[in-house]
PDB file of N, CA and C in Angstrom:
ATOM      1  N   MET A   1    -251.329  20.307 -52.670  1.00  0.00           N
ATOM      2  CA  MET A   1    -251.923  19.763 -51.405  1.00  0.00           C
ATOM      3  C   MET A   1    -253.485  19.890 -51.564  1.00  0.00           C
ATOM      4  N   LYS A   2    -253.919  20.986 -52.091  1.00  0.00           N
ATOM      5  CA  LYS A   2    -255.343  21.099 -52.213  1.00  0.00           C
ATOM      6  C   LYS A   2    -255.922  20.064 -53.226  1.00  0.00           C
ATOM      7  N   ILE A   3    -255.228  19.822 -54.263  1.00  0.00           N
ATOM      8  CA  ILE A   3    -255.689  18.860 -55.318  1.00  0.00           C
ATOM      9  C   ILE A   3    -255.739  17.458 -54.629  1.00  0.00           C
ATOM     10  N   VAL A   4    -254.797  17.156 -53.840  1.00  0.00           N
ATOM     11  CA  VAL A   4    -254.846  15.838 -53.191  1.00  0.00           C
ATOM     12  C   VAL A   4    -256.021  15.769 -52.227  1.00  0.00           C
ATOM     13  N   ASN A   5    -256.322  16.687 -51.461  1.00  0.00           N
ATOM     14  CA  ASN A   5    -257.448  16.729 -50.572  1.00  0.00           C
ATOM     15  C   ASN A   5    -258.763  16.698 -51.351  1.00  0.00           C
ATOM     16  N   LEU A   6    -258.785  17.388 -52.530  1.00  0.00           N
ATOM     17  CA  LEU A   6    -259.952  17.384 -53.349  1.00  0.00           C
ATOM     18  C   LEU A   6    -260.188  16.001 -53.958  1.00  0.00           C
ATOM     19  N   THR A   7    -259.141  15.453 -54.370  1.00  0.00           N
ATOM     20  CA  THR A   7    -259.213  14.046 -54.971  1.00  0.00           C
ATOM     21  C   THR A   7    -259.620  13.116 -53.918  1.00  0.00           C
ATOM     22  N   ARG A   8    -259.064  13.129 -52.723  1.00  0.00           N
ATOM     23  CA  ARG A   8    -259.446  12.300 -51.622  1.00  0.00           C
ATOM     24  C   ARG A   8    -260.973  12.517 -51.322  1.00  0.00           C
ATOM     25  N   SER A   9    -261.432  13.710 -51.147  1.00  0.00           N
ATOM     26  CA  SER A   9    -262.810  14.010 -50.942  1.00  0.00           C
ATOM     27  C   SER A   9    -263.723  13.456 -52.017  1.00  0.00           C
ATOM     28  N   MET A  10    -263.352  13.597 -53.281  1.00  0.00           N
ATOM     29  CA  MET A  10    -264.098  13.037 -54.381  1.00  0.00           C
ATOM     30  C   MET A  10    -264.149  11.598 -54.244  1.00  0.00           C
ATOM     31  N   SER A  11    -263.105  10.928 -53.847  1.00  0.00           N
ATOM     32  CA  SER A  11    -263.064   9.399 -53.704  1.00  0.00           C
ATOM     33  C   SER A  11    -263.986   9.055 -52.676  1.00  0.00           C
ATOM     34  N   TYR A  12    -263.971   9.691 -51.502  1.00  0.00           N
ATOM     35  CA  TYR A  12    -264.813   9.363 -50.384  1.00  0.00           C
ATOM     36  C   TYR A  12    -266.350   9.549 -50.831  1.00  0.00           C
ATOM     37  N   LEU A  13    -266.506  10.643 -51.522  1.00  0.00           N
ATOM     38  CA  LEU A  13    -267.859  10.879 -52.045  1.00  0.00           C
ATOM     39  C   LEU A  13    -268.341   9.840 -52.972  1.00  0.00           C
ATOM     40  N   SER A  14    -267.513   9.437 -53.907  1.00  0.00           N
ATOM     41  CA  SER A  14    -267.837   8.308 -54.814  1.00  0.00           C
ATOM     42  C   SER A  14    -268.166   6.997 -54.084  1.00  0.00           C
ATOM     43  N   ILE A  15    -267.305   6.707 -53.014  1.00  0.00           N
ATOM     44  CA  ILE A  15    -267.609   5.506 -52.256  1.00  0.00           C
ATOM     45  C   ILE A  15    -268.939   5.621 -51.523  1.00  0.00           C
ATOM     46  N   ALA A  16    -269.233   6.800 -50.945  1.00  0.00           N
ATOM     47  CA  ALA A  16    -270.503   6.988 -50.266  1.00  0.00           C
ATOM     48  C   ALA A  16    -271.678   6.907 -51.116  1.00  0.00           C
ATOM     49  N   LEU A  17    -271.523   7.494 -52.285  1.00  0.00           N
ATOM     50  CA  LEU A  17    -272.585   7.375 -53.298  1.00  0.00           C
ATOM     51  C   LEU A  17    -272.841   5.986 -53.742  1.00  0.00           C
ATOM     52  N   GLY A  18    -271.773   5.238 -54.005  1.00  0.00           N
ATOM     53  CA  GLY A  18    -271.898   3.815 -54.427  1.00  0.00           C
ATOM     54  C   GLY A  18    -272.566   3.017 -53.373  1.00  0.00           C
ATOM     55  N   MET A  19    -272.288   3.210 -52.057  1.00  0.00           N
ATOM     56  CA  MET A  19    -272.880   2.446 -50.909  1.00  0.00           C
ATOM     57  C   MET A  19    -274.363   2.797 -50.867  1.00  0.00           C
ATOM     58  N   LEU A  20    -274.637   4.105 -51.110  1.00  0.00           N
ATOM     59  CA  LEU A  20    -276.061   4.517 -51.025  1.00  0.00           C
ATOM     60  C   LEU A  20    -276.873   3.832 -52.150  1.00  0.00           C
ATOM     61  N   VAL A  21    -276.307   3.800 -53.358  1.00  0.00           N
ATOM     62  CA  VAL A  21    -276.923   3.245 -54.466  1.00  0.00           C
ATOM     63  C   VAL A  21    -277.158   1.682 -54.260  1.00  0.00           C
ATOM     64  N   CYS A  22    -276.134   1.017 -53.765  1.00  0.00           N
ATOM     65  CA  CYS A  22    -276.214  -0.426 -53.517  1.00  0.00           C
ATOM     66  C   CYS A  22    -277.298  -0.717 -52.426  1.00  0.00           C
ATOM     67  N   GLY A  23    -277.214   0.161 -51.418  1.00  0.00           N
ATOM     68  CA  GLY A  23    -278.207  -0.106 -50.267  1.00  0.00           C
ATOM     69  C   GLY A  23    -279.656   0.122 -50.706  1.00  0.00           C
ATOM     70  N   THR A  24    -279.845   1.153 -51.481  1.00  0.00           N
ATOM     71  CA  THR A  24    -281.156   1.474 -52.004  1.00  0.00           C
ATOM     72  C   THR A  24    -281.660   0.403 -52.892  1.00  0.00           C
ATOM     73  N   TYR A  25    -280.756  -0.110 -53.774  1.00  0.00           N
ATOM     74  CA  TYR A  25    -281.123  -1.244 -54.636  1.00  0.00           C
ATOM     75  C   TYR A  25    -281.521  -2.481 -53.904  1.00  0.00           C
ATOM     76  N   ALA A  26    -280.695  -2.810 -52.867  1.00  0.00           N
ATOM     77  CA  ALA A  26    -280.916  -3.976 -52.129  1.00  0.00           C
ATOM     78  C   ALA A  26    -282.297  -3.901 -51.392  1.00  0.00           C
ATOM     79  N   HIS A  27    -282.540  -2.703 -50.863  1.00  0.00           N
ATOM     80  CA  HIS A  27    -283.828  -2.504 -50.101  1.00  0.00           C
ATOM     81  C   HIS A  27    -285.025  -2.601 -51.072  1.00  0.00           C
ATOM     82  N   ALA A  28    -284.880  -2.041 -52.315  1.00  0.00           N
ATOM     83  CA  ALA A  28    -285.943  -2.056 -53.255  1.00  0.00           C
ATOM     84  C   ALA A  28    -286.193  -3.555 -53.690  1.00  0.00           C
ATOM     85  N   GLN A  29    -285.170  -4.328 -53.935  1.00  0.00           N
ATOM     86  CA  GLN A  29    -285.358  -5.686 -54.252  1.00  0.00           C
ATOM     87  C   GLN A  29    -285.986  -6.456 -53.222  1.00  0.00           C
ATOM     88  N   SER A  30    -285.677  -6.235 -51.879  1.00  0.00           N
ATOM     89  CA  SER A  30    -286.317  -7.008 -50.875  1.00  0.00           C
ATOM     90  C   SER A  30    -287.837  -6.586 -50.737  1.00  0.00           C
ATOM     91  N   THR A  31    -288.071  -5.313 -50.904  1.00  0.00           N
ATOM     92  CA  THR A  31    -289.480  -4.819 -50.827  1.00  0.00           C
ATOM     93  C   THR A  31    -290.263  -5.458 -51.976  1.00  0.00           C
ATOM     94  N   VAL A  32    -289.763  -5.564 -53.196  1.00  0.00           N
ATOM     95  CA  VAL A  32    -290.474  -6.169 -54.318  1.00  0.00           C
ATOM     96  C   VAL A  32    -290.657  -7.645 -54.024  1.00  0.00           C
ATOM     97  N   LYS A  33    -289.639  -8.331 -53.516  1.00  0.00           N
ATOM     98  CA  LYS A  33    -289.819  -9.728 -53.244  1.00  0.00           C
ATOM     99  C   LYS A  33    -290.948  -9.976 -52.215  1.00  0.00           C
ATOM    100  N   THR A  34    -290.890  -9.125 -51.156  1.00  0.00           N
ATOM    101  CA  THR A  34    -291.969  -9.204 -50.094  1.00  0.00           C
ATOM    102  C   THR A  34    -293.387  -8.997 -50.743  1.00  0.00           C
ATOM    103  N   MET A  35    -293.452  -7.981 -51.547  1.00  0.00           N
ATOM    104  CA  MET A  35    -294.766  -7.633 -52.171  1.00  0.00           C
ATOM    105  C   MET A  35    -295.237  -8.807 -53.059  1.00  0.00           C
ATOM    106  N   MET A  36    -294.265  -9.551 -53.653  1.00  0.00           N
ATOM    107  CA  MET A  36    -294.711 -10.563 -54.593  1.00  0.00           C
ATOM    108  C   MET A  36    -295.005 -11.904 -53.795  1.00  0.00           C
ATOM    109  N   THR A  37    -294.613 -12.077 -52.589  1.00  0.00           N
ATOM    110  CA  THR A  37    -294.778 -13.250 -51.886  1.00  0.00           C
ATOM    111  C   THR A  37    -295.880 -13.207 -50.815  1.00  0.00           C
ATOM    112  N   GLN A  38    -296.250 -11.931 -50.436  1.00  0.00           N
ATOM    113  CA  GLN A  38    -297.173 -11.779 -49.299  1.00  0.00           C
ATOM    114  C   GLN A  38    -298.357 -10.922 -49.831  1.00  0.00           C
ATOM    115  N   ASP A  39    -299.573 -11.296 -49.362  1.00  0.00           N
ATOM    116  CA  ASP A  39    -300.721 -10.442 -49.715  1.00  0.00           C
ATOM    117  C   ASP A  39    -300.764  -9.324 -48.642  1.00  0.00           C
ATOM    118  N   PRO A  40    -301.331  -8.189 -49.054  1.00  0.00           N
ATOM    119  CA  PRO A  40    -301.461  -7.144 -48.072  1.00  0.00           C
ATOM    120  C   PRO A  40    -302.277  -7.611 -46.952  1.00  0.00           C
ATOM    121  N   ALA A  41    -302.009  -7.027 -45.791  1.00  0.00           N
ATOM    122  CA  ALA A  41    -302.725  -7.383 -44.535  1.00  0.00           C
ATOM    123  C   ALA A  41    -304.300  -7.186 -44.705  1.00  0.00           C
ATOM    124  N   ARG A  42    -304.757  -6.208 -45.432  1.00  0.00           N
ATOM    125  CA  ARG A  42    -306.112  -5.938 -45.569  1.00  0.00           C
ATOM    126  C   ARG A  42    -306.823  -7.080 -46.287  1.00  0.00           C
ATOM    127  N   TRP A  43    -306.062  -7.813 -47.032  1.00  0.00           N
ATOM    128  CA  TRP A  43    -306.775  -8.931 -47.790  1.00  0.00           C
ATOM    129  C   TRP A  43    -307.194 -10.049 -46.828  1.00  0.00           C
ATOM    130  N   THR A  44    -306.497 -10.173 -45.754  1.00  0.00           N
ATOM    131  CA  THR A  44    -306.752 -11.281 -44.849  1.00  0.00           C
ATOM    132  C   THR A  44    -307.561 -10.846 -43.650  1.00  0.00           C
ATOM    133  N   GLN A  45    -308.029  -9.605 -43.591  1.00  0.00           N
ATOM    134  CA  GLN A  45    -308.908  -9.196 -42.516  1.00  0.00           C
ATOM    135  C   GLN A  45    -310.293  -9.445 -42.983  1.00  0.00           C
ATOM    136  N   GLU A  46    -310.966 -10.282 -42.108  1.00  0.00           N
ATOM    137  CA  GLU A  46    -312.408 -10.603 -42.389  1.00  0.00           C
ATOM    138  C   GLU A  46    -313.231  -9.361 -42.039  1.00  0.00           C
ATOM    139  N   ASP A  47    -314.276  -9.196 -42.932  1.00  0.00           N
ATOM    140  CA  ASP A  47    -315.349  -8.206 -42.616  1.00  0.00           C
ATOM    141  C   ASP A  47    -316.174  -8.648 -41.426  1.00  0.00           C
ATOM    142  N   VAL A  48    -316.232  -7.783 -40.440  1.00  0.00           N
ATOM    143  CA  VAL A  48    -316.987  -8.176 -39.200  1.00  0.00           C
ATOM    144  C   VAL A  48    -318.329  -7.521 -39.140  1.00  0.00           C
ATOM    145  N   THR A  49    -318.348  -6.196 -39.410  1.00  0.00           N
ATOM    146  CA  THR A  49    -319.581  -5.496 -39.200  1.00  0.00           C
ATOM    147  C   THR A  49    -320.416  -5.579 -40.412  1.00  0.00           C
ATOM    148  N   PRO A  50    -321.783  -5.415 -40.258  1.00  0.00           N
ATOM    149  CA  PRO A  50    -322.605  -5.428 -41.493  1.00  0.00           C
ATOM    150  C   PRO A  50    -322.236  -4.301 -42.438  1.00  0.00           C
ATOM    151  N   ALA A  51    -321.801  -3.150 -42.010  1.00  0.00           N
ATOM    152  CA  ALA A  51    -321.374  -2.060 -42.900  1.00  0.00           C
ATOM    153  C   ALA A  51    -320.129  -2.460 -43.775  1.00  0.00           C
ATOM    154  N   GLN A  52    -319.259  -3.236 -43.129  1.00  0.00           N
ATOM    155  CA  GLN A  52    -318.033  -3.648 -43.846  1.00  0.00           C
ATOM    156  C   GLN A  52    -318.457  -4.775 -44.888  1.00  0.00           C
ATOM    157  N   LYS A  53    -319.320  -5.556 -44.502  1.00  0.00           N
ATOM    158  CA  LYS A  53    -319.819  -6.682 -45.472  1.00  0.00           C
ATOM    159  C   LYS A  53    -320.564  -6.046 -46.623  1.00  0.00           C
ATOM    160  N   LEU A  54    -321.368  -4.947 -46.415  1.00  0.00           N
ATOM    161  CA  LEU A  54    -322.129  -4.338 -47.390  1.00  0.00           C
ATOM    162  C   LEU A  54    -321.118  -3.625 -48.337  1.00  0.00           C
ATOM    163  N   SER A  55    -320.158  -2.955 -47.729  1.00  0.00           N
ATOM    164  CA  SER A  55    -319.115  -2.223 -48.665  1.00  0.00           C
ATOM    165  C   SER A  55    -318.441  -3.260 -49.502  1.00  0.00           C
ATOM    166  N   THR A  56    -318.057  -4.357 -48.959  1.00  0.00           N
ATOM    167  CA  THR A  56    -317.275  -5.317 -49.766  1.00  0.00           C
ATOM    168  C   THR A  56    -318.222  -5.936 -50.917  1.00  0.00           C
ATOM    169  N   ALA A  57    -319.449  -6.145 -50.570  1.00  0.00           N
ATOM    170  CA  ALA A  57    -320.449  -6.658 -51.516  1.00  0.00           C
ATOM    171  C   ALA A  57    -320.591  -5.682 -52.682  1.00  0.00           C
ATOM    172  N   ARG A  58    -320.610  -4.447 -52.369  1.00  0.00           N
ATOM    173  CA  ARG A  58    -320.861  -3.419 -53.393  1.00  0.00           C
ATOM    174  C   ARG A  58    -319.569  -3.274 -54.282  1.00  0.00           C
ATOM    175  N   LYS A  59    -318.405  -3.362 -53.589  1.00  0.00           N
ATOM    176  CA  LYS A  59    -317.148  -3.311 -54.377  1.00  0.00           C
ATOM    177  C   LYS A  59    -317.085  -4.492 -55.309  1.00  0.00           C
ATOM    178  N   GLU A  60    -317.484  -5.643 -54.883  1.00  0.00           N
ATOM    179  CA  GLU A  60    -317.431  -6.863 -55.658  1.00  0.00           C
ATOM    180  C   GLU A  60    -318.404  -6.783 -56.880  1.00  0.00           C
ATOM    181  N   ALA A  61    -319.520  -6.195 -56.673  1.00  0.00           N
ATOM    182  CA  ALA A  61    -320.543  -5.958 -57.712  1.00  0.00           C
ATOM    183  C   ALA A  61    -319.997  -4.985 -58.787  1.00  0.00           C
ATOM    184  N   VAL A  62    -319.464  -3.941 -58.332  1.00  0.00           N
ATOM    185  CA  VAL A  62    -318.895  -2.936 -59.237  1.00  0.00           C
ATOM    186  C   VAL A  62    -317.655  -3.604 -60.034  1.00  0.00           C
ATOM    187  N   ASN A  63    -316.859  -4.315 -59.344  1.00  0.00           N
ATOM    188  CA  ASN A  63    -315.670  -4.905 -60.054  1.00  0.00           C
ATOM    189  C   ASN A  63    -316.139  -5.956 -61.072  1.00  0.00           C
ATOM    190  N   ALA A  64    -317.177  -6.700 -60.662  1.00  0.00           N
ATOM    191  CA  ALA A  64    -317.757  -7.709 -61.651  1.00  0.00           C
ATOM    192  C   ALA A  64    -318.272  -7.028 -62.881  1.00  0.00           C
ATOM    193  N   GLN A  65    -319.018  -5.943 -62.633  1.00  0.00           N
ATOM    194  CA  GLN A  65    -319.528  -5.174 -63.785  1.00  0.00           C
ATOM    195  C   GLN A  65    -318.370  -4.650 -64.720  1.00  0.00           C
ATOM    196  N   GLN A  66    -317.294  -4.128 -64.056  1.00  0.00           N
ATOM    197  CA  GLN A  66    -316.206  -3.547 -64.797  1.00  0.00           C
ATOM    198  C   GLN A  66    -315.488  -4.748 -65.644  1.00  0.00           C
ATOM    199  N   GLN A  67    -315.352  -5.840 -64.978  1.00  0.00           N
ATOM    200  CA  GLN A  67    -314.744  -7.061 -65.718  1.00  0.00           C
ATOM    201  C   GLN A  67    -315.595  -7.385 -66.910  1.00  0.00           C
ATOM    202  N   SER A  68    -316.926  -7.455 -66.683  1.00  0.00           N
ATOM    203  CA  SER A  68    -317.801  -7.770 -67.774  1.00  0.00           C
ATOM    204  C   SER A  68    -317.698  -6.720 -68.953  1.00  0.00           C
ATOM    205  N   LEU A  69    -317.643  -5.494 -68.573  1.00  0.00           N
ATOM    206  CA  LEU A  69    -317.576  -4.436 -69.634  1.00  0.00           C
ATOM    207  C   LEU A  69    -316.184  -4.571 -70.350  1.00  0.00           C
ATOM    208  N   ASP A  70    -315.160  -4.853 -69.512  1.00  0.00           N
ATOM    209  CA  ASP A  70    -313.818  -5.096 -70.239  1.00  0.00           C
ATOM    210  C   ASP A  70    -313.868  -6.300 -71.205  1.00  0.00           C
ATOM    211  N   ASP A  71    -314.568  -7.347 -70.792  1.00  0.00           N
ATOM    212  CA  ASP A  71    -314.711  -8.424 -71.740  1.00  0.00           C
ATOM    213  C   ASP A  71    -315.493  -8.110 -72.936  1.00  0.00           C
ATOM    214  N   CYS A  72    -316.475  -7.197 -72.787  1.00  0.00           N
ATOM    215  CA  CYS A  72    -317.248  -6.806 -73.986  1.00  0.00           C
ATOM    216  C   CYS A  72    -316.472  -6.110 -75.024  1.00  0.00           C
ATOM    217  N   ARG A  73    -315.354  -5.424 -74.615  1.00  0.00           N
ATOM    218  CA  ARG A  73    -314.561  -4.702 -75.563  1.00  0.00           C
ATOM    219  C   ARG A  73    -313.796  -5.665 -76.507  1.00  0.00           C
ATOM    220  N   SER A  74    -313.694  -6.927 -76.073  1.00  0.00           N
ATOM    221  CA  SER A  74    -312.941  -7.833 -76.959  1.00  0.00           C
ATOM    222  C   SER A  74    -313.849  -8.503 -78.020  1.00  0.00           C
ATOM    223  N   LEU A  75    -315.144  -8.208 -77.892  1.00  0.00           N
ATOM    224  CA  LEU A  75    -316.153  -8.844 -78.872  1.00  0.00           C
ATOM    225  C   LEU A  75    -316.260  -8.035 -80.135  1.00  0.00           C
ATOM    226  N   PRO A  76    -316.729  -8.628 -81.190  1.00  0.00           N
ATOM    227  CA  PRO A  76    -317.031  -7.837 -82.364  1.00  0.00           C
ATOM    228  C   PRO A  76    -317.954  -6.790 -82.134  1.00  0.00           C
ATOM    229  N   SER A  77    -317.923  -5.678 -82.764  1.00  0.00           N
ATOM    230  CA  SER A  77    -318.741  -4.504 -82.636  1.00  0.00           C
ATOM    231  C   SER A  77    -320.244  -4.762 -82.630  1.00  0.00           C
ATOM    232  N   ALA A  78    -320.528  -5.809 -83.452  1.00  0.00           N
ATOM    233  CA  ALA A  78    -322.049  -6.134 -83.607  1.00  0.00           C
ATOM    234  C   ALA A  78    -322.568  -6.708 -82.263  1.00  0.00           C
ATOM    235  N   ARG A  79    -321.748  -7.288 -81.458  1.00  0.00           N
ATOM    236  CA  ARG A  79    -322.232  -7.836 -80.209  1.00  0.00           C
ATOM    237  C   ARG A  79    -321.979  -7.015 -78.959  1.00  0.00           C
ATOM    238  N   THR A  80    -321.216  -5.856 -79.160  1.00  0.00           N
ATOM    239  CA  THR A  80    -320.857  -5.003 -78.063  1.00  0.00           C
ATOM    240  C   THR A  80    -322.014  -4.524 -77.199  1.00  0.00           C
ATOM    241  N   ALA A  81    -323.034  -3.958 -77.987  1.00  0.00           N
ATOM    242  CA  ALA A  81    -324.136  -3.353 -77.326  1.00  0.00           C
ATOM    243  C   ALA A  81    -324.932  -4.375 -76.486  1.00  0.00           C
ATOM    244  N   GLU A  82    -325.156  -5.510 -77.072  1.00  0.00           N
ATOM    245  CA  GLU A  82    -325.836  -6.556 -76.334  1.00  0.00           C
ATOM    246  C   GLU A  82    -325.079  -6.979 -75.066  1.00  0.00           C
ATOM    247  N   CYS A  83    -323.740  -7.132 -75.189  1.00  0.00           N
ATOM    248  CA  CYS A  83    -322.927  -7.518 -74.093  1.00  0.00           C
ATOM    249  C   CYS A  83    -323.020  -6.464 -72.971  1.00  0.00           C
ATOM    250  N   ARG A  84    -322.825  -5.188 -73.341  1.00  0.00           N
ATOM    251  CA  ARG A  84    -322.920  -4.185 -72.359  1.00  0.00           C
ATOM    252  C   ARG A  84    -324.282  -4.101 -71.664  1.00  0.00           C
ATOM    253  N   ALA A  85    -325.380  -4.301 -72.413  1.00  0.00           N
ATOM    254  CA  ALA A  85    -326.677  -4.381 -71.765  1.00  0.00           C
ATOM    255  C   ALA A  85    -326.826  -5.525 -70.746  1.00  0.00           C
ATOM    256  N   GLU A  86    -326.187  -6.631 -71.179  1.00  0.00           N
ATOM    257  CA  GLU A  86    -326.229  -7.811 -70.246  1.00  0.00           C
ATOM    258  C   GLU A  86    -325.426  -7.532 -69.021  1.00  0.00           C
ATOM    259  N   ALA A  87    -324.277  -6.936 -69.147  1.00  0.00           N
ATOM    260  CA  ALA A  87    -323.448  -6.587 -68.024  1.00  0.00           C
ATOM    261  C   ALA A  87    -324.230  -5.596 -67.132  1.00  0.00           C
ATOM    262  N   HIS A  88    -324.836  -4.666 -67.657  1.00  0.00           N
ATOM    263  CA  HIS A  88    -325.646  -3.672 -66.800  1.00  0.00           C
ATOM    264  C   HIS A  88    -326.756  -4.386 -66.144  1.00  0.00           C
ATOM    265  N   LYS A  89    -327.416  -5.340 -66.775  1.00  0.00           N
ATOM    266  CA  LYS A  89    -328.543  -6.035 -66.150  1.00  0.00           C
ATOM    267  C   LYS A  89    -328.040  -6.895 -65.057  1.00  0.00           C
ATOM    268  N   ASN A  90    -326.867  -7.564 -65.284  1.00  0.00           N
ATOM    269  CA  ASN A  90    -326.259  -8.367 -64.214  1.00  0.00           C
ATOM    270  C   ASN A  90    -325.893  -7.568 -62.966  1.00  0.00           C
ATOM    271  N   TYR A  91    -325.321  -6.373 -63.221  1.00  0.00           N
ATOM    272  CA  TYR A  91    -324.982  -5.415 -62.148  1.00  0.00           C
ATOM    273  C   TYR A  91    -326.303  -5.015 -61.354  1.00  0.00           C
ATOM    274  N   GLN A  92    -327.328  -4.669 -62.050  1.00  0.00           N
ATOM    275  CA  GLN A  92    -328.595  -4.322 -61.408  1.00  0.00           C
ATOM    276  C   GLN A  92    -329.080  -5.463 -60.532  1.00  0.00           C
ATOM    277  N   ASN A  93    -329.016  -6.680 -61.114  1.00  0.00           N
ATOM    278  CA  ASN A  93    -329.378  -7.872 -60.347  1.00  0.00           C
ATOM    279  C   ASN A  93    -328.603  -7.999 -59.076  1.00  0.00           C
ATOM    280  N   ASP A  94    -327.239  -7.875 -59.255  1.00  0.00           N
ATOM    281  CA  ASP A  94    -326.375  -8.065 -58.128  1.00  0.00           C
ATOM    282  C   ASP A  94    -326.614  -7.026 -57.014  1.00  0.00           C
ATOM    283  N   MET A  95    -326.915  -5.753 -57.438  1.00  0.00           N
ATOM    284  CA  MET A  95    -327.238  -4.710 -56.455  1.00  0.00           C
ATOM    285  C   MET A  95    -328.596  -4.935 -55.801  1.00  0.00           C
ATOM    286  N   ALA A  96    -329.520  -5.410 -56.544  1.00  0.00           N
ATOM    287  CA  ALA A  96    -330.865  -5.803 -55.958  1.00  0.00           C
ATOM    288  C   ALA A  96    -330.686  -6.876 -54.874  1.00  0.00           C
ATOM    289  N   ASP A  97    -329.842  -7.881 -55.227  1.00  0.00           N
ATOM    290  CA  ASP A  97    -329.567  -8.950 -54.269  1.00  0.00           C
ATOM    291  C   ASP A  97    -328.818  -8.467 -53.052  1.00  0.00           C
ATOM    292  N   ILE A  98    -327.924  -7.475 -53.167  1.00  0.00           N
ATOM    293  CA  ILE A  98    -327.243  -6.912 -52.092  1.00  0.00           C
ATOM    294  C   ILE A  98    -328.227  -6.127 -51.150  1.00  0.00           C
ATOM    295  N   ARG A  99    -329.166  -5.354 -51.830  1.00  0.00           N
ATOM    296  CA  ARG A  99    -330.153  -4.571 -51.027  1.00  0.00           C
ATOM    297  C   ARG A  99    -331.068  -5.556 -50.236  1.00  0.00           C
ATOM    298  N   ASN A 100    -331.366  -6.619 -50.844  1.00  0.00           N
ATOM    299  CA  ASN A 100    -332.304  -7.615 -50.215  1.00  0.00           C
ATOM    300  C   ASN A 100    -331.504  -8.305 -49.008  1.00  0.00           C
ATOM    301  N   ARG A 101    -330.190  -8.655 -49.268  1.00  0.00           N
ATOM    302  CA  ARG A 101    -329.474  -9.277 -48.185  1.00  0.00           C
ATOM    303  C   ARG A 101    -329.209  -8.407 -46.979  1.00  0.00           C
ATOM    304  N   PHE A 102    -328.934  -7.159 -47.296  1.00  0.00           N
ATOM    305  CA  PHE A 102    -328.520  -6.199 -46.243  1.00  0.00           C
ATOM    306  C   PHE A 102    -329.662  -5.299 -45.760  1.00  0.00           C
ATOM    307  N   GLY A 103    -330.811  -5.415 -46.392  1.00  0.00           N
ATOM    308  CA  GLY A 103    -331.935  -4.649 -46.008  1.00  0.00           C
ATOM    309  C   GLY A 103    -331.720  -3.141 -46.240  1.00  0.00           C
ATOM    310  N   VAL A 104    -331.013  -2.804 -47.317  1.00  0.00           N
ATOM    311  CA  VAL A 104    -330.704  -1.430 -47.588  1.00  0.00           C
ATOM    312  C   VAL A 104    -331.776  -0.897 -48.540  1.00  0.00           C
TER     313      VAL A 104
END
């Protein structure tokens, strides 16, 4: 009798575990699909205040510099130093432009 109850309990546990795994997998798939088809809400929110605009401009300048430095890594070593110097100069020019635009 105890073995039958134990077997039945194990069977119910297996079914519950299977349902949990399937439900979790389905939820993960729908989340991934949503993430792939929709931009995060913060990407569509326009900068309203001068502080927000300044912050975004700074982030863009930093990211542009990082992209330039990443591009420099793919060049032959003889040109890397020149490329990095140009990336730094462009960053300084971008930041100077930001300071002029926002009066910082």
